Amino acid sequence: MKISEIINNTRPAFSFEFFPPKNEEGFINLYNTIDNLKQWNPAFVSVTYGAGGSTRTKTVELVGRIKNEIGLESMAHLTCVGHSAEEIRNVLDSLLKNGIENVLALRGDPPKGETHFVKTENGFEYANELAEFIKSNYEFCIGGAGYPEGHIECPDKKQDMENLKKKVDAGAEFIITQLFFDNQFYFDFVEKVRGLGIEVPIIPGIMPVLNFGQLKRFTKMCGATIPDALQAELEKAEEDIEAVRRIGIEYATDQCRQLLKEDVPGIHFYTLNRSTATLAILENLKDNS
């Protein structure tokens, strides 16, 4: 089923993001994670796409198996990095053969070791070009990415929001946001893009904090802000892994409660291929529903 239809019929629509593991042990752990999370009947799950298409085959196989063997609606991420239009067409054809109906169209990050995105010959430079190509040639439901604090490579937030409008005009039917830790960024973002005429559902992306060092790396890469109060708590507990995890779960739970109170269309959890923290958050939300 197309995610646009699911969102229209399911409120709130909880979804989970995974990435293709590097080895067999990682896949075993991932399938255990999916099995644990399946009990919550997620609206859909998504699978990321490595820089430069480095996990292309794994992504296609994984979304196919999740949908056809595990029985969960799945969405493949697809990026412009390192691919010509013809190569992207081949990926899309493979997804179709696996029964996949949903694609998240992204520009993508530069390959490891490179600092700037370089358009591939006969490829695409921006996510809206990829979305337009998909829309013109296929019947996939297309998702796009939104950045409540602005894209790290676009210092002009107004321009960044206008870029989002281009994605929607090109065919994106829903938006999933980059992770954020201050809900006001999300609320302000939604208000401003609505003013530009963007009416598609905007799903907030939430990442439970599991490791403070990892959090600092992630936020540096994507430009997200760590609120002072959260940073102070994490710094005090930095050497205590369990304490950091508890703080992360409590903070994400509070974020989700506030978002759900404001009737967001759903919540997309960046699980990092683990289930424990996400399960704890969902249990907390159930207990306080």
Protein backbone atom coordinates (compact mmCIF):
# COMPACT_ATOMS: atom_id res chain seq x y z
CA MET A 1 0.00 0.00 0.00
CA LYS A 2 1.16 3.53 -0.69
CA ILE A 3 2.30 5.48 2.37
CA SER A 4 0.19 8.49 1.41
CA GLU A 5 -2.91 6.28 1.75
CA ILE A 6 -1.68 4.79 5.02
CA ILE A 7 -1.11 8.22 6.57
CA ASN A 8 -4.59 9.33 5.51
CA ASN A 9 -6.13 6.31 7.22
CA THR A 10 -3.86 5.88 10.27
CA ARG A 11 -3.33 8.51 12.95
CA PRO A 12 -0.81 8.67 14.41
CA ALA A 13 1.27 6.64 11.93
CA PHE A 14 4.36 5.29 13.71
CA SER A 15 7.23 4.25 11.45
CA PHE A 16 10.79 2.98 11.88
CA GLU A 17 13.99 3.51 9.94
CA PHE A 18 16.68 0.87 9.48
CA PHE A 19 19.95 0.63 7.59
CA PRO A 20 21.44 -2.39 5.77
CA PRO A 21 23.98 -4.10 8.07
CA LYS A 22 27.53 -4.83 6.94
CA ASN A 23 27.60 -8.55 7.79
CA GLU A 24 25.46 -11.60 8.49
CA GLU A 25 25.51 -11.07 12.25
CA GLY A 26 24.20 -7.57 11.70
CA PHE A 27 21.34 -8.90 9.61
CA ILE A 28 20.43 -11.43 12.32
CA ASN A 29 20.33 -8.64 14.89
CA LEU A 30 18.31 -6.44 12.56
CA TYR A 31 15.68 -9.09 11.95
CA ASN A 32 15.40 -9.57 15.72
CA THR A 33 14.89 -5.81 16.03
CA ILE A 34 12.20 -5.83 13.35
CA ASP A 35 10.50 -8.78 15.02
CA ASN A 36 10.43 -6.91 18.33
CA LEU A 37 9.01 -3.76 16.76
CA LYS A 38 6.49 -5.57 14.57
CA GLN A 39 4.15 -6.01 17.55
CA TRP A 40 3.43 -2.27 17.35
CA ASN A 41 1.99 -2.64 13.85
CA PRO A 42 4.06 0.15 12.29
CA ALA A 43 2.47 2.07 9.46
CA PHE A 44 5.64 1.46 7.46
CA VAL A 45 9.39 1.02 7.79
CA SER A 46 12.14 2.54 5.69
CA VAL A 47 15.60 1.34 4.69
CA THR A 48 18.46 3.75 4.02
CA TYR A 49 20.71 3.87 1.00
CA GLY A 50 24.48 4.07 1.53
CA ALA A 51 26.60 6.93 0.20
CA GLY A 52 27.23 6.52 -3.49
CA GLY A 53 24.77 3.64 -3.65
CA SER A 54 27.14 1.51 -1.58
CA THR A 55 24.25 -0.53 -0.16
CA ARG A 56 22.08 -0.52 -3.28
CA THR A 57 21.67 -4.28 -3.57
CA LYS A 58 21.23 -4.74 0.17
CA THR A 59 18.62 -1.99 0.32
CA VAL A 60 16.55 -3.52 -2.47
CA GLU A 61 16.80 -7.01 -0.98
CA LEU A 62 16.02 -5.82 2.54
CA VAL A 63 12.92 -3.78 1.67
CA GLY A 64 11.69 -6.70 -0.43
CA ARG A 65 12.15 -9.18 2.38
CA ILE A 66 10.56 -6.89 4.98
CA LYS A 67 7.48 -6.48 2.81
CA ASN A 68 7.14 -9.94 1.28
CA GLU A 69 8.36 -12.19 4.10
CA ILE A 70 7.83 -10.18 7.28
CA GLY A 71 4.66 -8.50 6.09
CA LEU A 72 5.40 -4.84 6.85
CA GLU A 73 4.96 -2.05 4.34
CA SER A 74 8.44 -0.86 3.43
CA MET A 75 10.00 2.13 1.70
CA ALA A 76 13.39 2.32 0.03
CA HIS A 77 15.57 5.39 0.29
CA LEU A 78 17.10 6.38 -3.04
CA THR A 79 19.81 8.99 -3.62
CA CYS A 80 21.29 10.82 -6.59
CA VAL A 81 24.87 10.15 -5.47
CA GLY A 82 27.03 8.20 -7.89
CA HIS A 83 24.20 7.19 -10.22
CA SER A 84 23.18 8.11 -13.73
CA ALA A 85 19.49 8.29 -14.58
CA GLU A 86 19.75 4.89 -16.25
CA GLU A 87 21.27 3.30 -13.12
CA ILE A 88 18.52 4.82 -11.01
CA ARG A 89 15.98 3.42 -13.44
CA ASN A 90 17.50 -0.03 -12.88
CA VAL A 91 17.14 0.36 -9.11
CA LEU A 92 13.52 1.44 -9.46
CA ASP A 93 12.80 -1.51 -11.74
CA SER A 94 14.29 -3.84 -9.12
CA LEU A 95 12.11 -2.31 -6.43
CA LEU A 96 9.04 -2.81 -8.60
CA LYS A 97 9.91 -6.48 -9.07
CA ASN A 98 10.03 -6.79 -5.27
CA GLY A 99 6.57 -5.28 -4.92
CA ILE A 100 7.78 -2.02 -3.39
CA GLU A 101 5.43 0.93 -3.84
CA ASN A 102 7.21 3.65 -1.84
CA VAL A 103 10.47 5.55 -2.37
CA LEU A 104 12.12 8.34 -0.36
CA ALA A 105 13.81 10.56 -2.95
CA LEU A 106 16.98 12.17 -1.59
CA ARG A 107 19.95 14.00 -3.01
CA GLY A 108 22.20 12.10 -0.61
CA ASP A 109 25.47 12.85 1.16
CA PRO A 110 28.82 12.90 -0.63
CA PRO A 111 30.70 9.56 -0.61
CA LYS A 112 33.04 8.92 2.32
CA GLY A 113 36.17 11.02 2.07
CA GLU A 114 34.52 13.72 -0.04
CA THR A 115 33.17 17.00 1.29
CA HIS A 116 31.06 18.22 -1.62
CA PHE A 117 28.30 16.66 -3.65
CA VAL A 118 29.21 16.21 -7.32
CA LYS A 119 26.53 15.46 -9.86
CA THR A 120 27.11 12.21 -11.73
CA GLU A 121 27.23 12.48 -15.50
CA ASN A 122 23.70 12.00 -16.87
CA GLY A 123 22.44 12.00 -13.29
CA PHE A 124 20.60 14.38 -11.00
CA GLU A 125 21.85 17.28 -8.89
CA TYR A 126 18.89 17.80 -6.58
CA ALA A 127 16.24 15.68 -4.88
CA ASN A 128 13.43 17.44 -6.75
CA GLU A 129 14.98 16.30 -10.05
CA LEU A 130 15.03 12.72 -8.78
CA ALA A 131 11.42 13.01 -7.58
CA GLU A 132 10.35 14.41 -10.95
CA PHE A 133 12.08 11.54 -12.78
CA ILE A 134 10.34 8.96 -10.60
CA LYS A 135 6.96 10.66 -10.94
CA SER A 136 7.27 10.90 -14.72
CA ASN A 137 8.20 7.26 -15.23
CA TYR A 138 6.63 5.25 -12.39
CA GLU A 139 3.68 5.09 -10.02
CA PHE A 140 5.65 4.98 -6.78
CA CYS A 141 4.46 6.99 -3.80
CA ILE A 142 7.30 9.47 -3.29
CA GLY A 143 8.49 10.88 0.02
CA GLY A 144 10.92 13.73 0.61
CA ALA A 145 13.14 15.01 3.41
CA GLY A 146 12.55 18.22 5.36
CA TYR A 147 14.94 20.11 7.62
CA PRO A 148 13.36 21.95 10.57
CA GLU A 149 16.66 23.67 11.36
CA GLY A 150 17.60 24.11 7.71
CA HIS A 151 19.84 21.93 5.52
CA ILE A 152 23.44 22.15 6.68
CA GLU A 153 24.56 23.12 3.16
CA CYS A 154 21.91 25.81 2.74
CA PRO A 155 22.52 28.76 5.09
CA ASP A 156 19.37 30.52 3.85
CA LYS A 157 16.40 28.83 5.57
CA LYS A 158 13.90 30.52 3.27
CA GLN A 159 15.71 29.10 0.26
CA ASP A 160 15.78 25.69 1.92
CA MET A 161 12.01 25.79 2.37
CA GLU A 162 11.57 26.88 -1.24
CA ASN A 163 13.67 23.85 -2.20
CA LEU A 164 11.21 21.72 -0.25
CA LYS A 165 8.38 23.26 -2.26
CA LYS A 166 10.18 22.16 -5.43
CA LYS A 167 10.25 18.57 -4.13
CA VAL A 168 6.54 18.64 -3.40
CA ASP A 169 5.73 20.22 -6.74
CA ALA A 170 7.85 17.49 -8.39
CA GLY A 171 5.78 14.74 -6.78
CA ALA A 172 6.64 14.24 -3.10
CA GLU A 173 3.43 13.23 -1.30
CA PHE A 174 4.73 13.38 2.27
CA ILE A 175 7.77 14.70 4.11
CA ILE A 176 9.87 13.08 6.84
CA THR A 177 12.00 15.51 8.81
CA GLN A 178 15.60 15.34 9.85
CA LEU A 179 16.04 14.56 13.55
CA PHE A 180 15.59 17.42 16.00
CA PHE A 181 15.54 17.78 19.77
CA ASP A 182 13.58 21.00 20.19
CA ASN A 183 9.99 20.59 19.04
CA GLN A 184 9.64 24.32 18.45
CA PHE A 185 11.89 23.95 15.40
CA TYR A 186 9.36 21.48 13.97
CA PHE A 187 6.30 23.59 14.77
CA ASP A 188 7.87 26.75 13.32
CA PHE A 189 9.00 24.82 10.24
CA VAL A 190 5.53 23.42 9.57
CA GLU A 191 3.92 26.85 9.99
CA LYS A 192 6.34 28.47 7.56
CA VAL A 193 6.17 25.81 4.84
CA ARG A 194 2.38 25.81 5.03
CA GLY A 195 2.67 29.50 4.21
CA LEU A 196 4.47 28.51 1.02
CA GLY A 197 1.57 26.32 -0.03
CA ILE A 198 3.01 22.98 1.08
CA GLU A 199 0.03 20.92 2.27
CA VAL A 200 1.42 17.37 2.34
CA PRO A 201 1.82 15.54 5.69
CA ILE A 202 5.06 16.41 7.51
CA ILE A 203 6.17 13.56 9.77
CA PRO A 204 8.60 14.48 12.57
CA GLY A 205 11.76 12.36 12.81
CA ILE A 206 12.82 11.40 16.34
CA MET A 207 16.08 9.73 17.35
CA PRO A 208 16.41 8.35 20.90
CA VAL A 209 19.80 9.25 22.40
CA LEU A 210 21.76 6.07 23.10
CA ASN A 211 25.31 7.38 23.20
CA PHE A 212 26.42 10.96 23.84
CA GLY A 213 29.51 10.76 21.63
CA GLN A 214 27.45 9.33 18.80
CA LEU A 215 24.86 12.07 19.28
CA LYS A 216 27.49 14.79 18.94
CA ARG A 217 28.76 13.22 15.71
CA PHE A 218 25.27 12.94 14.24
CA THR A 219 24.27 16.49 15.10
CA LYS A 220 27.53 17.86 13.70
CA MET A 221 26.91 16.05 10.41
CA CYS A 222 23.30 17.17 10.00
CA GLY A 223 23.34 20.54 11.75
CA ALA A 224 20.79 19.68 14.44
CA THR A 225 20.93 21.52 17.77
CA ILE A 226 21.27 19.85 21.17
CA PRO A 227 19.28 21.94 23.70
CA ASP A 228 21.38 23.25 26.59
CA ALA A 229 19.35 21.43 29.26
CA LEU A 230 19.66 18.09 27.47
CA GLN A 231 23.37 18.61 26.84
CA ALA A 232 23.97 19.40 30.52
CA GLU A 233 22.18 16.22 31.61
CA LEU A 234 24.08 14.08 29.13
CA GLU A 235 27.43 15.59 30.07
CA LYS A 236 26.83 14.71 33.72
CA ALA A 237 25.99 11.12 32.83
CA GLU A 238 28.39 10.71 29.91
CA GLU A 239 30.39 7.84 31.44
CA ASP A 240 27.25 5.96 32.54
CA ILE A 241 25.83 4.29 29.44
CA GLU A 242 22.61 3.21 31.14
CA ALA A 243 22.02 6.67 32.56
CA VAL A 244 22.52 8.24 29.12
CA ARG A 245 20.05 5.74 27.68
CA ARG A 246 17.45 6.54 30.37
CA ILE A 247 17.83 10.26 29.76
CA GLY A 248 17.46 9.70 26.03
CA ILE A 249 14.30 7.62 26.41
CA GLU A 250 12.69 10.10 28.81
CA TYR A 251 13.55 13.05 26.60
CA ALA A 252 12.28 11.41 23.40
CA THR A 253 9.10 10.31 25.21
CA ASP A 254 8.42 13.90 26.24
CA GLN A 255 9.09 15.07 22.70
CA CYS A 256 6.65 12.52 21.30
CA ARG A 257 3.95 13.36 23.84
CA GLN A 258 4.08 17.02 22.92
CA LEU A 259 4.08 16.27 19.20
CA LEU A 260 1.15 13.87 19.48
CA LYS A 261 -0.76 16.41 21.55
CA GLU A 262 -0.49 18.74 18.57
CA ASP A 263 -1.93 16.06 16.26
CA VAL A 264 1.11 15.36 14.11
CA PRO A 265 0.44 12.84 11.31
CA GLY A 266 2.86 10.35 12.83
CA ILE A 267 6.36 9.87 14.23
CA HIS A 268 9.30 8.38 12.35
CA PHE A 269 11.82 6.75 14.71
CA TYR A 270 15.48 6.63 13.74
CA THR A 271 16.11 3.29 15.43
CA LEU A 272 19.80 2.79 14.55
CA ASN A 273 18.79 -0.88 14.03
CA ARG A 274 17.97 -1.30 17.72
CA SER A 275 14.61 -1.86 19.31
CA THR A 276 15.00 -1.42 23.07
CA ALA A 277 14.83 2.38 23.28
CA THR A 278 12.07 2.72 20.70
CA LEU A 279 10.03 0.02 22.43
CA ALA A 280 10.45 1.80 25.77
CA ILE A 281 9.26 5.05 24.27
CA LEU A 282 6.21 3.40 22.71
CA GLU A 283 5.38 1.71 26.02
CA ASN A 284 5.63 5.07 27.79
CA LEU A 285 3.31 6.66 25.24
CA LYS A 286 0.81 3.82 25.62
CA ASP A 287 0.84 4.14 29.40
CA ASN A 288 0.07 7.86 29.13
CA SER A 289 -2.47 7.71 26.32
